[in-house]
């Protein structure tokens, strides 16, 4: 399997949002050092003969939709400045890579639902280095396979948007690709007032339990040894019971205290600490509605290992809509150091039997 890069287009908004240079300050929540990473993932699309868009070129469709969407989501085409991040709104472009795989079909890979060769997957998603991710906080790649199906790979700076915000952006692109003249959700970019600290800032919730102050420590450079990737199956019923047991622990005060903590201690080196694993739920972000004319993606797969202050993140993911196998519940994609994986497997067995062990947390 070989991925061939054809060319890279620099896509600009169809209409400039500003006629002069402009800056957009980000909030203290956005400038959390744990968010100074790019999250990478891909969506897999079928292109059957019965598809209404079967004759269309995915790269051209997505390029035009991206240009139209950037009128509303212009910060994704901006340049980020280091430290207390802000966007420089000038010379707005998003790199869009055009690639092909001429010797392989998506069905032969089970639509990338079985986590095939990781080296191959890495070629389907842009991987900007530390400097480029500030210059281009959003980089996309369309890879068309022999069968006509394609993948859309994305690398987006986490300080600009989380998974929900990024999916909202792609849904706007999809709406415009299908011919919409108005978007259903207009973004608001007043980050400092929407997500800024209170006056005066105060920390009244026990957030120190998962944050530490250690200047110079980078959670993403932590040495963990070999890391394994495993996939576990979890039923919806099991997770709902677990969430019910934990629901009272996440309050509005907890979130607001977190924002104020960032404001009060930013210069002291806020980290998530050592040995942290971040869990993130991708099942309800709206991935299935990102339809550019070929239907929604049949598989969504994250590739990032640096996320939420952890080099061992775990993702809750829906099953592929077309691959064979179980459909009840969802899968948990786990990145974990090799030495800890055997014990984690035993914990997952207990979790499946509703043995949550909350007294230990």
Foldseek 3Di string as FASTA:
>chain_A
DDKFWDDKDWAAAPDQLDPDKDKFFAALVLLPVLLQFWWKKKFWFAQDPPFPCNVPDVQVLLSVLLNNLCSQVVQQQFAWDPDRIMTTRDPGTEIEIEIEAQPDDCVVCLVCQVVPDVVVVCVQADDDDSRVCRRRQKYWYWYAYNNRIIMIMIIHRRSSDHLLVVVLSLLSSQCVLVPDPDGPDRDDRNRCVVLYADVVHDADAPPVVQKDFDPPDALQVDDQADKDKDKDFAFPVLVVVVCVVCVVNDDPSNSNNVSSCSVVCVPRHMARDYPDEAEDEPDPSCQQSSHSRRGGGQAMTIDQCSHPRHNWYKYWGARGPPGDDDHGGTMIITIGRPVCVVVVVVVVVCSNVSNPVVVVD
